[in-house]
Amino acid sequence: MDEVVTYYSMLHKQPLGKFHIQICTNISCLLTGGQELWQHACRKLGIGNKQVTADGQFSLEEVECLGACSWAPAIQVNYDFHHAVTPEALDRLIESLRAL
């Protein structure tokens, strides 16, 4: 069972945040700022990979590929894709989600 859960990025053993943010750091995203975006998200939310904020609003996950290499860096929030994301755009997105 653990092999299946750890292989597929859409399966989790622990509850996720209301807004689950996945950030791609694979090669295309890496070359266009994906690693910096990942580090920025960790600092902004105060959590790391597969962790959830204390209020349960956000969870964060570093993923290998979202299939959006042409629009890198890409993130997915729940099942909504966001392309060519900058740290500033991520900040605006997080603040808009907090307001929901």
PDB file of N, CA and C in Angstrom:
ATOM      1  N   MET A   1       0.822  -1.197   0.000  1.00  0.00           N
ATOM      2  CA  MET A   1       0.000   0.000   0.000  1.00  0.00           C
ATOM      3  C   MET A   1       0.865   1.261   0.000  1.00  0.00           C
ATOM      4  N   ASP A   2       1.909   1.297   0.837  1.00  0.00           N
ATOM      5  CA  ASP A   2       2.779   2.474   0.885  1.00  0.00           C
ATOM      6  C   ASP A   2       3.416   2.760  -0.467  1.00  0.00           C
ATOM      7  N   GLU A   3       3.742   1.729  -1.221  1.00  0.00           N
ATOM      8  CA  GLU A   3       4.355   1.916  -2.525  1.00  0.00           C
ATOM      9  C   GLU A   3       3.421   2.681  -3.465  1.00  0.00           C
ATOM     10  N   VAL A   4       2.155   2.353  -3.424  1.00  0.00           N
ATOM     11  CA  VAL A   4       1.179   3.015  -4.290  1.00  0.00           C
ATOM     12  C   VAL A   4       0.988   4.467  -3.859  1.00  0.00           C
ATOM     13  N   VAL A   5       0.824   4.698  -2.573  1.00  0.00           N
ATOM     14  CA  VAL A   5       0.580   6.046  -2.061  1.00  0.00           C
ATOM     15  C   VAL A   5       1.780   6.951  -2.323  1.00  0.00           C
ATOM     16  N   THR A   6       2.981   6.438  -2.156  1.00  0.00           N
ATOM     17  CA  THR A   6       4.160   7.283  -2.363  1.00  0.00           C
ATOM     18  C   THR A   6       4.490   7.474  -3.842  1.00  0.00           C
ATOM     19  N   TYR A   7       4.040   6.584  -4.703  1.00  0.00           N
ATOM     20  CA  TYR A   7       4.323   6.713  -6.138  1.00  0.00           C
ATOM     21  C   TYR A   7       3.465   7.794  -6.788  1.00  0.00           C
ATOM     22  N   TYR A   8       2.180   7.820  -6.474  1.00  0.00           N
ATOM     23  CA  TYR A   8       1.257   8.759  -7.105  1.00  0.00           C
ATOM     24  C   TYR A   8       1.141  10.035  -6.280  1.00  0.00           C
ATOM     25  N   SER A   9       1.435  11.185  -6.931  1.00  0.00           N
ATOM     26  CA  SER A   9       1.428  12.460  -6.201  1.00  0.00           C
ATOM     27  C   SER A   9       0.032  12.906  -5.784  1.00  0.00           C
ATOM     28  N   MET A  10      -1.007  12.298  -6.352  1.00  0.00           N
ATOM     29  CA  MET A  10      -2.365  12.719  -5.976  1.00  0.00           C
ATOM     30  C   MET A  10      -2.910  11.960  -4.767  1.00  0.00           C
ATOM     31  N   LEU A  11      -2.145  10.994  -4.256  1.00  0.00           N
ATOM     32  CA  LEU A  11      -2.559  10.234  -3.076  1.00  0.00           C
ATOM     33  C   LEU A  11      -1.758  10.687  -1.865  1.00  0.00           C
ATOM     34  N   HIS A  12      -2.418  10.787  -0.724  1.00  0.00           N
ATOM     35  CA  HIS A  12      -1.766  11.263   0.501  1.00  0.00           C
ATOM     36  C   HIS A  12      -2.263  10.462   1.693  1.00  0.00           C
ATOM     37  N   LYS A  13      -1.406  10.292   2.670  1.00  0.00           N
ATOM     38  CA  LYS A  13      -1.777   9.568   3.890  1.00  0.00           C
ATOM     39  C   LYS A  13      -2.359  10.503   4.949  1.00  0.00           C
ATOM     40  N   GLN A  14      -2.030  11.777   4.863  1.00  0.00           N
ATOM     41  CA  GLN A  14      -2.487  12.755   5.840  1.00  0.00           C
ATOM     42  C   GLN A  14      -3.441  13.745   5.161  1.00  0.00           C
ATOM     43  N   PRO A  15      -4.331  14.369   5.935  1.00  0.00           N
ATOM     44  CA  PRO A  15      -5.227  15.374   5.347  1.00  0.00           C
ATOM     45  C   PRO A  15      -4.433  16.543   4.760  1.00  0.00           C
ATOM     46  N   LEU A  16      -4.922  17.073   3.664  1.00  0.00           N
ATOM     47  CA  LEU A  16      -4.305  18.229   3.020  1.00  0.00           C
ATOM     48  C   LEU A  16      -4.968  19.504   3.521  1.00  0.00           C
ATOM     49  N   GLY A  17      -4.355  20.634   3.197  1.00  0.00           N
ATOM     50  CA  GLY A  17      -4.963  21.909   3.515  1.00  0.00           C
ATOM     51  C   GLY A  17      -6.165  22.164   2.606  1.00  0.00           C
ATOM     52  N   LYS A  18      -6.961  23.136   2.958  1.00  0.00           N
ATOM     53  CA  LYS A  18      -8.101  23.519   2.117  1.00  0.00           C
ATOM     54  C   LYS A  18      -7.618  23.847   0.708  1.00  0.00           C
ATOM     55  N   PHE A  19      -6.447  24.486   0.620  1.00  0.00           N
ATOM     56  CA  PHE A  19      -5.827  24.808  -0.662  1.00  0.00           C
ATOM     57  C   PHE A  19      -4.491  24.085  -0.731  1.00  0.00           C
ATOM     58  N   HIS A  20      -4.422  23.079  -1.589  1.00  0.00           N
ATOM     59  CA  HIS A  20      -3.206  22.278  -1.739  1.00  0.00           C
ATOM     60  C   HIS A  20      -2.403  22.833  -2.911  1.00  0.00           C
ATOM     61  N   ILE A  21      -1.244  23.402  -2.610  1.00  0.00           N
ATOM     62  CA  ILE A  21      -0.399  24.029  -3.618  1.00  0.00           C
ATOM     63  C   ILE A  21       0.714  23.064  -4.010  1.00  0.00           C
ATOM     64  N   GLN A  22       0.750  22.720  -5.283  1.00  0.00           N
ATOM     65  CA  GLN A  22       1.814  21.876  -5.814  1.00  0.00           C
ATOM     66  C   GLN A  22       2.674  22.745  -6.728  1.00  0.00           C
ATOM     67  N   ILE A  23       3.969  22.705  -6.505  1.00  0.00           N
ATOM     68  CA  ILE A  23       4.906  23.500  -7.298  1.00  0.00           C
ATOM     69  C   ILE A  23       5.858  22.561  -8.021  1.00  0.00           C
ATOM     70  N   CYS A  24       5.920  22.703  -9.337  1.00  0.00           N
ATOM     71  CA  CYS A  24       6.798  21.869 -10.144  1.00  0.00           C
ATOM     72  C   CYS A  24       8.229  22.401 -10.063  1.00  0.00           C
ATOM     73  N   THR A  25       9.165  21.487  -9.848  1.00  0.00           N
ATOM     74  CA  THR A  25      10.589  21.852  -9.870  1.00  0.00           C
ATOM     75  C   THR A  25      11.352  20.953 -10.840  1.00  0.00           C
ATOM     76  N   ASN A  26      10.655  20.372 -11.808  1.00  0.00           N
ATOM     77  CA  ASN A  26      11.311  19.566 -12.824  1.00  0.00           C
ATOM     78  C   ASN A  26      12.076  20.486 -13.780  1.00  0.00           C
ATOM     79  N   ILE A  27      12.752  19.952 -14.767  1.00  0.00           N
ATOM     80  CA  ILE A  27      13.744  20.689 -15.543  1.00  0.00           C
ATOM     81  C   ILE A  27      13.236  21.985 -16.167  1.00  0.00           C
ATOM     82  N   SER A  28      12.094  21.973 -16.846  1.00  0.00           N
ATOM     83  CA  SER A  28      11.598  23.210 -17.476  1.00  0.00           C
ATOM     84  C   SER A  28      11.262  24.264 -16.434  1.00  0.00           C
ATOM     85  N   CYS A  29      10.597  23.846 -15.382  1.00  0.00           N
ATOM     86  CA  CYS A  29      10.257  24.794 -14.315  1.00  0.00           C
ATOM     87  C   CYS A  29      11.516  25.237 -13.562  1.00  0.00           C
ATOM     88  N   LEU A  30      12.424  24.310 -13.356  1.00  0.00           N
ATOM     89  CA  LEU A  30      13.681  24.623 -12.678  1.00  0.00           C
ATOM     90  C   LEU A  30      14.440  25.714 -13.424  1.00  0.00           C
ATOM     91  N   LEU A  31      14.502  25.603 -14.736  1.00  0.00           N
ATOM     92  CA  LEU A  31      15.243  26.564 -15.550  1.00  0.00           C
ATOM     93  C   LEU A  31      14.572  27.923 -15.643  1.00  0.00           C
ATOM     94  N   THR A  32      13.301  28.005 -15.260  1.00  0.00           N
ATOM     95  CA  THR A  32      12.572  29.277 -15.351  1.00  0.00           C
ATOM     96  C   THR A  32      12.164  29.816 -13.979  1.00  0.00           C
ATOM     97  N   GLY A  33      12.806  29.327 -12.924  1.00  0.00           N
ATOM     98  CA  GLY A  33      12.560  29.884 -11.593  1.00  0.00           C
ATOM     99  C   GLY A  33      11.747  29.018 -10.661  1.00  0.00           C
ATOM    100  N   GLY A  34      11.516  27.763 -11.002  1.00  0.00           N
ATOM    101  CA  GLY A  34      10.714  26.887 -10.156  1.00  0.00           C
ATOM    102  C   GLY A  34      11.294  26.650  -8.774  1.00  0.00           C
ATOM    103  N   GLN A  35      12.610  26.504  -8.686  1.00  0.00           N
ATOM    104  CA  GLN A  35      13.238  26.279  -7.377  1.00  0.00           C
ATOM    105  C   GLN A  35      13.102  27.510  -6.494  1.00  0.00           C
ATOM    106  N   GLU A  36      13.309  28.683  -7.068  1.00  0.00           N
ATOM    107  CA  GLU A  36      13.144  29.933  -6.312  1.00  0.00           C
ATOM    108  C   GLU A  36      11.693  30.106  -5.881  1.00  0.00           C
ATOM    109  N   LEU A  37      10.768  29.736  -6.756  1.00  0.00           N
ATOM    110  CA  LEU A  37       9.342  29.810  -6.431  1.00  0.00           C
ATOM    111  C   LEU A  37       9.020  28.870  -5.271  1.00  0.00           C
ATOM    112  N   TRP A  38       9.577  27.662  -5.315  1.00  0.00           N
ATOM    113  CA  TRP A  38       9.382  26.694  -4.235  1.00  0.00           C
ATOM    114  C   TRP A  38       9.895  27.252  -2.906  1.00  0.00           C
ATOM    115  N   GLN A  39      11.102  27.782  -2.906  1.00  0.00           N
ATOM    116  CA  GLN A  39      11.684  28.336  -1.677  1.00  0.00           C
ATOM    117  C   GLN A  39      10.866  29.518  -1.171  1.00  0.00           C
ATOM    118  N   HIS A  40      10.394  30.338  -2.083  1.00  0.00           N
ATOM    119  CA  HIS A  40       9.558  31.479  -1.704  1.00  0.00           C
ATOM    120  C   HIS A  40       8.264  31.012  -1.039  1.00  0.00           C
ATOM    121  N   ALA A  41       7.638  29.996  -1.607  1.00  0.00           N
ATOM    122  CA  ALA A  41       6.389  29.459  -1.046  1.00  0.00           C
ATOM    123  C   ALA A  41       6.618  28.892   0.351  1.00  0.00           C
ATOM    124  N   CYS A  42       7.720  28.184   0.539  1.00  0.00           N
ATOM    125  CA  CYS A  42       8.040  27.627   1.866  1.00  0.00           C
ATOM    126  C   CYS A  42       8.188  28.743   2.892  1.00  0.00           C
ATOM    127  N   ARG A  43       8.902  29.798   2.520  1.00  0.00           N
ATOM    128  CA  ARG A  43       9.080  30.934   3.442  1.00  0.00           C
ATOM    129  C   ARG A  43       7.757  31.641   3.699  1.00  0.00           C
ATOM    130  N   LYS A  44       7.001  31.886   2.640  1.00  0.00           N
ATOM    131  CA  LYS A  44       5.728  32.622   2.752  1.00  0.00           C
ATOM    132  C   LYS A  44       4.732  31.893   3.649  1.00  0.00           C
ATOM    133  N   LEU A  45       4.639  30.575   3.482  1.00  0.00           N
ATOM    134  CA  LEU A  45       3.657  29.802   4.249  1.00  0.00           C
ATOM    135  C   LEU A  45       4.222  29.234   5.548  1.00  0.00           C
ATOM    136  N   GLY A  46       5.537  29.229   5.686  1.00  0.00           N
ATOM    137  CA  GLY A  46       6.157  28.714   6.908  1.00  0.00           C
ATOM    138  C   GLY A  46       6.070  27.203   7.037  1.00  0.00           C
ATOM    139  N   ILE A  47       5.973  26.515   5.905  1.00  0.00           N
ATOM    140  CA  ILE A  47       5.889  25.050   5.910  1.00  0.00           C
ATOM    141  C   ILE A  47       6.800  24.494   4.820  1.00  0.00           C
ATOM    142  N   GLY A  48       7.019  23.195   4.875  1.00  0.00           N
ATOM    143  CA  GLY A  48       7.828  22.517   3.870  1.00  0.00           C
ATOM    144  C   GLY A  48       7.010  21.513   3.090  1.00  0.00           C
ATOM    145  N   ASN A  49       7.719  20.634   2.411  1.00  0.00           N
ATOM    146  CA  ASN A  49       7.084  19.649   1.542  1.00  0.00           C
ATOM    147  C   ASN A  49       6.133  18.739   2.315  1.00  0.00           C
ATOM    148  N   LYS A  50       4.920  18.626   1.784  1.00  0.00           N
ATOM    149  CA  LYS A  50       3.862  17.766   2.333  1.00  0.00           C
ATOM    150  C   LYS A  50       3.454  18.157   3.750  1.00  0.00           C
ATOM    151  N   GLN A  51       3.606  19.435   4.074  1.00  0.00           N
ATOM    152  CA  GLN A  51       3.172  19.942   5.374  1.00  0.00           C
ATOM    153  C   GLN A  51       1.939  20.830   5.191  1.00  0.00           C
ATOM    154  N   VAL A  52       1.251  21.065   6.292  1.00  0.00           N
ATOM    155  CA  VAL A  52       0.020  21.851   6.303  1.00  0.00           C
ATOM    156  C   VAL A  52       0.186  22.991   7.300  1.00  0.00           C
ATOM    157  N   THR A  53      -0.300  24.179   6.944  1.00  0.00           N
ATOM    158  CA  THR A  53      -0.235  25.308   7.871  1.00  0.00           C
ATOM    159  C   THR A  53      -1.078  24.995   9.110  1.00  0.00           C
ATOM    160  N   ALA A  54      -0.748  25.628  10.207  1.00  0.00           N
ATOM    161  CA  ALA A  54      -1.420  25.365  11.489  1.00  0.00           C
ATOM    162  C   ALA A  54      -2.932  25.594  11.399  1.00  0.00           C
ATOM    163  N   ASP A  55      -3.348  26.557  10.576  1.00  0.00           N
ATOM    164  CA  ASP A  55      -4.787  26.834  10.453  1.00  0.00           C
ATOM    165  C   ASP A  55      -5.491  25.895   9.472  1.00  0.00           C
ATOM    166  N   GLY A  56      -4.745  24.986   8.832  1.00  0.00           N
ATOM    167  CA  GLY A  56      -5.331  24.030   7.912  1.00  0.00           C
ATOM    168  C   GLY A  56      -5.704  24.605   6.556  1.00  0.00           C
ATOM    169  N   GLN A  57      -5.358  25.860   6.313  1.00  0.00           N
ATOM    170  CA  GLN A  57      -5.731  26.500   5.060  1.00  0.00           C
ATOM    171  C   GLN A  57      -4.891  26.029   3.872  1.00  0.00           C
ATOM    172  N   PHE A  58      -3.580  25.848   4.078  1.00  0.00           N
ATOM    173  CA  PHE A  58      -2.686  25.557   2.968  1.00  0.00           C
ATOM    174  C   PHE A  58      -1.839  24.328   3.246  1.00  0.00           C
ATOM    175  N   SER A  59      -1.622  23.544   2.212  1.00  0.00           N
ATOM    176  CA  SER A  59      -0.603  22.498   2.232  1.00  0.00           C
ATOM    177  C   SER A  59       0.264  22.733   1.001  1.00  0.00           C
ATOM    178  N   LEU A  60       1.482  22.243   1.076  1.00  0.00           N
ATOM    179  CA  LEU A  60       2.475  22.531   0.049  1.00  0.00           C
ATOM    180  C   LEU A  60       3.154  21.244  -0.360  1.00  0.00           C
ATOM    181  N   GLU A  61       3.376  21.097  -1.667  1.00  0.00           N
ATOM    182  CA  GLU A  61       4.033  19.896  -2.153  1.00  0.00           C
ATOM    183  C   GLU A  61       4.899  20.225  -3.360  1.00  0.00           C
ATOM    184  N   GLU A  62       6.137  19.770  -3.321  1.00  0.00           N
ATOM    185  CA  GLU A  62       7.036  19.877  -4.473  1.00  0.00           C
ATOM    186  C   GLU A  62       6.769  18.671  -5.367  1.00  0.00           C
ATOM    187  N   VAL A  63       6.480  18.922  -6.636  1.00  0.00           N
ATOM    188  CA  VAL A  63       6.177  17.833  -7.556  1.00  0.00           C
ATOM    189  C   VAL A  63       7.148  17.844  -8.729  1.00  0.00           C
ATOM    190  N   GLU A  64       7.261  16.682  -9.360  1.00  0.00           N
ATOM    191  CA  GLU A  64       8.200  16.500 -10.458  1.00  0.00           C
ATOM    192  C   GLU A  64       7.704  17.076 -11.778  1.00  0.00           C
ATOM    193  N   CYS A  65       6.421  16.982 -12.052  1.00  0.00           N
ATOM    194  CA  CYS A  65       5.933  17.484 -13.336  1.00  0.00           C
ATOM    195  C   CYS A  65       4.423  17.685 -13.274  1.00  0.00           C
ATOM    196  N   LEU A  66       3.985  18.817 -13.808  1.00  0.00           N
ATOM    197  CA  LEU A  66       2.559  19.090 -13.927  1.00  0.00           C
ATOM    198  C   LEU A  66       2.118  19.050 -15.382  1.00  0.00           C
ATOM    199  N   GLY A  67       3.026  18.684 -16.266  1.00  0.00           N
ATOM    200  CA  GLY A  67       2.695  18.586 -17.684  1.00  0.00           C
ATOM    201  C   GLY A  67       2.473  19.932 -18.340  1.00  0.00           C
ATOM    202  N   ALA A  68       3.131  20.957 -17.831  1.00  0.00           N
ATOM    203  CA  ALA A  68       2.951  22.307 -18.370  1.00  0.00           C
ATOM    204  C   ALA A  68       4.307  22.943 -18.675  1.00  0.00           C
ATOM    205  N   CYS A  69       5.192  22.174 -19.269  1.00  0.00           N
ATOM    206  CA  CYS A  69       6.563  22.637 -19.509  1.00  0.00           C
ATOM    207  C   CYS A  69       6.627  23.891 -20.380  1.00  0.00           C
ATOM    208  N   SER A  70       5.706  24.046 -21.302  1.00  0.00           N
ATOM    209  CA  SER A  70       5.710  25.219 -22.185  1.00  0.00           C
ATOM    210  C   SER A  70       5.318  26.495 -21.457  1.00  0.00           C
ATOM    211  N   TRP A  71       4.726  26.356 -20.278  1.00  0.00           N
ATOM    212  CA  TRP A  71       4.257  27.521 -19.518  1.00  0.00           C
ATOM    213  C   TRP A  71       4.927  27.611 -18.156  1.00  0.00           C
ATOM    214  N   ALA A  72       6.131  27.120 -18.048  1.00  0.00           N
ATOM    215  CA  ALA A  72       6.854  27.058 -16.778  1.00  0.00           C
ATOM    216  C   ALA A  72       7.233  28.455 -16.272  1.00  0.00           C
ATOM    217  N   PRO A  73       7.391  28.611 -14.963  1.00  0.00           N
ATOM    218  CA  PRO A  73       7.108  27.625 -13.934  1.00  0.00           C
ATOM    219  C   PRO A  73       5.611  27.509 -13.664  1.00  0.00           C
ATOM    220  N   ALA A  74       5.204  26.291 -13.405  1.00  0.00           N
ATOM    221  CA  ALA A  74       3.786  26.004 -13.232  1.00  0.00           C
ATOM    222  C   ALA A  74       3.492  25.543 -11.810  1.00  0.00           C
ATOM    223  N   ILE A  75       2.316  25.904 -11.343  1.00  0.00           N
ATOM    224  CA  ILE A  75       1.829  25.401 -10.059  1.00  0.00           C
ATOM    225  C   ILE A  75       0.392  24.941 -10.249  1.00  0.00           C
ATOM    226  N   GLN A  76      -0.060  24.154  -9.310  1.00  0.00           N
ATOM    227  CA  GLN A  76      -1.451  23.704  -9.305  1.00  0.00           C
ATOM    228  C   GLN A  76      -1.985  23.923  -7.899  1.00  0.00           C
ATOM    229  N   VAL A  77      -3.142  24.555  -7.806  1.00  0.00           N
ATOM    230  CA  VAL A  77      -3.816  24.737  -6.524  1.00  0.00           C
ATOM    231  C   VAL A  77      -5.100  23.942  -6.608  1.00  0.00           C
ATOM    232  N   ASN A  78      -5.188  22.904  -5.764  1.00  0.00           N
ATOM    233  CA  ASN A  78      -6.244  21.917  -5.891  1.00  0.00           C
ATOM    234  C   ASN A  78      -6.175  21.398  -7.329  1.00  0.00           C
ATOM    235  N   TYR A  79      -7.125  21.672  -8.180  1.00  0.00           N
ATOM    236  CA  TYR A  79      -7.016  21.207  -9.562  1.00  0.00           C
ATOM    237  C   TYR A  79      -6.988  22.354 -10.560  1.00  0.00           C
ATOM    238  N   ASP A  80      -6.624  23.545 -10.083  1.00  0.00           N
ATOM    239  CA  ASP A  80      -6.501  24.712 -10.959  1.00  0.00           C
ATOM    240  C   ASP A  80      -5.034  24.971 -11.268  1.00  0.00           C
ATOM    241  N   PHE A  81      -4.709  25.051 -12.562  1.00  0.00           N
ATOM    242  CA  PHE A  81      -3.336  25.308 -12.986  1.00  0.00           C
ATOM    243  C   PHE A  81      -3.067  26.797 -13.101  1.00  0.00           C
ATOM    244  N   HIS A  82      -1.827  27.170 -12.787  1.00  0.00           N
ATOM    245  CA  HIS A  82      -1.355  28.545 -12.936  1.00  0.00           C
ATOM    246  C   HIS A  82      -0.001  28.459 -13.623  1.00  0.00           C
ATOM    247  N   HIS A  83       0.170  29.239 -14.696  1.00  0.00           N
ATOM    248  CA  HIS A  83       1.369  29.144 -15.512  1.00  0.00           C
ATOM    249  C   HIS A  83       2.207  30.410 -15.428  1.00  0.00           C
ATOM    250  N   ALA A  84       3.501  30.269 -15.712  1.00  0.00           N
ATOM    251  CA  ALA A  84       4.459  31.383 -15.705  1.00  0.00           C
ATOM    252  C   ALA A  84       4.349  32.168 -14.394  1.00  0.00           C
ATOM    253  N   VAL A  85       4.338  31.451 -13.290  1.00  0.00           N
ATOM    254  CA  VAL A  85       4.119  32.045 -11.970  1.00  0.00           C
ATOM    255  C   VAL A  85       5.409  32.671 -11.446  1.00  0.00           C
ATOM    256  N   THR A  86       5.306  33.887 -10.981  1.00  0.00           N
ATOM    257  CA  THR A  86       6.417  34.591 -10.330  1.00  0.00           C
ATOM    258  C   THR A  86       6.163  34.579  -8.822  1.00  0.00           C
ATOM    259  N   PRO A  87       7.173  34.873  -8.021  1.00  0.00           N
ATOM    260  CA  PRO A  87       6.931  34.983  -6.577  1.00  0.00           C
ATOM    261  C   PRO A  87       5.848  36.011  -6.244  1.00  0.00           C
ATOM    262  N   GLU A  88       5.824  37.117  -6.975  1.00  0.00           N
ATOM    263  CA  GLU A  88       4.812  38.149  -6.733  1.00  0.00           C
ATOM    264  C   GLU A  88       3.410  37.641  -7.072  1.00  0.00           C
ATOM    265  N   ALA A  89       3.306  36.911  -8.169  1.00  0.00           N
ATOM    266  CA  ALA A  89       2.006  36.336  -8.547  1.00  0.00           C
ATOM    267  C   ALA A  89       1.559  35.299  -7.528  1.00  0.00           C
ATOM    268  N   LEU A  90       2.510  34.528  -7.010  1.00  0.00           N
ATOM    269  CA  LEU A  90       2.177  33.541  -5.979  1.00  0.00           C
ATOM    270  C   LEU A  90       1.675  34.240  -4.726  1.00  0.00           C
ATOM    271  N   ASP A  91       2.317  35.331  -4.332  1.00  0.00           N
ATOM    272  CA  ASP A  91       1.863  36.097  -3.167  1.00  0.00           C
ATOM    273  C   ASP A  91       0.425  36.573  -3.353  1.00  0.00           C
ATOM    274  N   ARG A  92       0.127  37.110  -4.535  1.00  0.00           N
ATOM    275  CA  ARG A  92      -1.238  37.593  -4.804  1.00  0.00           C
ATOM    276  C   ARG A  92      -2.237  36.438  -4.762  1.00  0.00           C
ATOM    277  N   LEU A  93      -1.848  35.304  -5.319  1.00  0.00           N
ATOM    278  CA  LEU A  93      -2.731  34.135  -5.317  1.00  0.00           C
ATOM    279  C   LEU A  93      -3.005  33.666  -3.893  1.00  0.00           C
ATOM    280  N   ILE A  94      -1.973  33.568  -3.081  1.00  0.00           N
ATOM    281  CA  ILE A  94      -2.146  33.130  -1.687  1.00  0.00           C
ATOM    282  C   ILE A  94      -3.061  34.087  -0.937  1.00  0.00           C
ATOM    283  N   GLU A  95      -2.850  35.379  -1.118  1.00  0.00           N
ATOM    284  CA  GLU A  95      -3.699  36.367  -0.424  1.00  0.00           C
ATOM    285  C   GLU A  95      -5.148  36.280  -0.899  1.00  0.00           C
ATOM    286  N   SER A  96      -5.363  36.030  -2.173  1.00  0.00           N
ATOM    287  CA  SER A  96      -6.740  35.906  -2.678  1.00  0.00           C
ATOM    288  C   SER A  96      -7.401  34.640  -2.125  1.00  0.00           C
ATOM    289  N   LEU A  97      -6.638  33.563  -1.956  1.00  0.00           N
ATOM    290  CA  LEU A  97      -7.186  32.337  -1.383  1.00  0.00           C
ATOM    291  C   LEU A  97      -7.486  32.505   0.104  1.00  0.00           C
ATOM    292  N   ARG A  98      -6.648  33.246   0.792  1.00  0.00           N
ATOM    293  CA  ARG A  98      -6.901  33.513   2.230  1.00  0.00           C
ATOM    294  C   ARG A  98      -8.214  34.248   2.426  1.00  0.00           C
ATOM    295  N   ALA A  99      -8.582  35.068   1.468  1.00  0.00           N
ATOM    296  CA  ALA A  99      -9.804  35.867   1.574  1.00  0.00           C
ATOM    297  C   ALA A  99     -11.072  35.050   1.333  1.00  0.00           C
ATOM    298  N   LEU A 100     -10.917  33.832   0.817  1.00  0.00           N
ATOM    299  CA  LEU A 100     -12.108  32.995   0.538  1.00  0.00           C
ATOM    300  C   LEU A 100     -12.665  32.358   1.783  1.00  0.00           C
TER     301      LEU A 100
END
